[in-house]
Protein backbone atom coordinates (compact mmCIF):
# COMPACT_ATOMS: atom_id res chain seq x y z
CA MET A 1 2.41 -10.36 -1.21
CA ARG A 2 -0.16 -9.83 -3.39
CA THR A 3 -0.57 -6.15 -5.81
CA GLU A 4 -3.67 -4.77 -7.51
CA THR A 5 -4.15 -1.31 -9.22
CA PHE A 6 -7.15 -0.13 -9.49
CA THR A 7 -8.37 3.66 -10.59
CA GLY A 8 -11.60 4.05 -8.88
CA GLY A 9 -9.84 5.40 -5.54
CA ARG A 10 -13.16 5.93 -3.81
CA ASP A 11 -14.40 2.59 -4.37
CA VAL A 12 -11.45 1.09 -2.85
CA PHE A 13 -11.38 2.93 0.00
CA ALA A 14 -14.97 2.37 0.82
CA ARG A 15 -13.65 -1.38 1.39
CA PHE A 16 -10.95 -0.03 3.99
CA PRO A 17 -12.95 2.48 6.08
CA GLY A 18 -10.23 2.87 8.59
CA ALA A 19 -7.27 3.73 6.78
CA ARG A 20 -4.86 5.52 8.37
CA VAL A 21 -2.19 7.46 6.45
CA CYS A 22 1.66 6.07 6.61
CA GLY A 23 3.49 8.60 4.71
CA ARG A 24 4.18 10.36 1.57
CA VAL A 25 6.47 10.44 -0.99
CA ASP A 26 6.90 11.94 -4.41
CA GLY A 27 3.21 12.90 -4.62
CA ALA A 28 2.24 9.50 -3.63
CA ILE A 29 0.33 8.80 -0.19
CA THR A 30 0.38 5.63 1.51
CA TYR A 31 -2.28 4.27 4.18
CA LEU A 32 -1.89 1.39 6.47
CA ALA A 33 -5.20 -0.64 6.26
CA GLU A 34 -6.66 -4.00 7.48
CA SER A 35 -9.71 -5.97 6.18
CA GLY A 36 -11.12 -9.36 7.00
CA GLY A 37 -8.43 -10.14 9.51
CA LEU A 38 -5.54 -9.19 6.78
CA PRO A 39 -3.02 -6.24 6.80
CA TYR A 40 -2.86 -3.83 3.90
CA LEU A 41 -1.04 -0.94 2.18
CA LEU A 42 -2.93 1.06 -0.33
CA VAL A 43 -0.70 3.66 -2.69
CA VAL A 44 -2.57 6.37 -3.99
CA GLU A 45 -0.61 8.23 -7.14
CA GLY A 46 -1.14 11.74 -7.71
CA GLY A 47 -3.87 10.86 -10.87
CA GLY A 48 -6.03 9.08 -8.61
CA ALA A 49 -4.80 4.90 -9.39
CA VAL A 50 -4.71 3.41 -6.25
CA THR A 51 -2.46 0.31 -5.54
CA VAL A 52 -3.22 -2.52 -3.15
CA LEU A 53 -1.18 -4.49 -1.70
CA ALA A 54 -2.47 -7.39 0.49
CA PHE A 55 0.01 -9.34 2.84
CA GLU A 56 -0.45 -12.77 5.14
CA ASP A 57 0.46 -11.04 8.44
CA GLU A 58 1.71 -7.75 10.29
CA ALA A 59 4.99 -9.33 10.03
CA GLU A 60 5.27 -9.52 5.78
CA ARG A 61 4.00 -5.85 5.60
CA ALA A 62 6.19 -4.86 8.59
CA ARG A 63 9.51 -6.22 6.72
CA HIS A 64 8.09 -4.19 3.58
CA LEU A 65 7.87 -1.32 5.08
CA SER A 66 11.01 -1.05 6.49
CA GLY A 67 12.50 -1.71 3.46
CA ARG A 68 10.77 0.80 1.53
CA VAL A 69 11.93 3.45 4.47
CA ALA A 70 15.18 2.18 4.15
CA ALA A 71 15.21 3.02 0.51
CA GLY A 72 13.10 6.30 0.87
CA GLU A 73 10.42 4.61 -0.98
CA THR A 74 6.66 3.64 -0.46
CA ARG A 75 5.79 3.22 -3.83
CA PRO A 76 5.52 -0.86 -4.87
CA ARG A 77 8.24 -1.88 -7.01
CA ALA A 78 7.71 -3.52 -10.50
CA ALA A 79 6.93 -7.36 -10.48
CA GLY A 80 10.02 -9.08 -10.41
CA SER A 81 12.00 -6.44 -8.46
CA ALA A 82 13.90 -7.72 -4.98
CA GLY A 83 11.63 -6.32 -1.83
């Protein structure tokens, strides 16, 4: 999984025109998206910053999501954290 954070939310969403809402927790909205045949998660914070999580395949994204749902989270964890 690769993670990048951007401040220009509109520019990020232009790369993922089919993004769809996955969930909302503590003011952050998570979207499922695909680009170039790869699955992504987009996490939009209340202030407009967008964190893009890129996955190798659907199975990796599903494992990531199942861990977050079990923990009641949708936001990415800090680098070096379990998960």
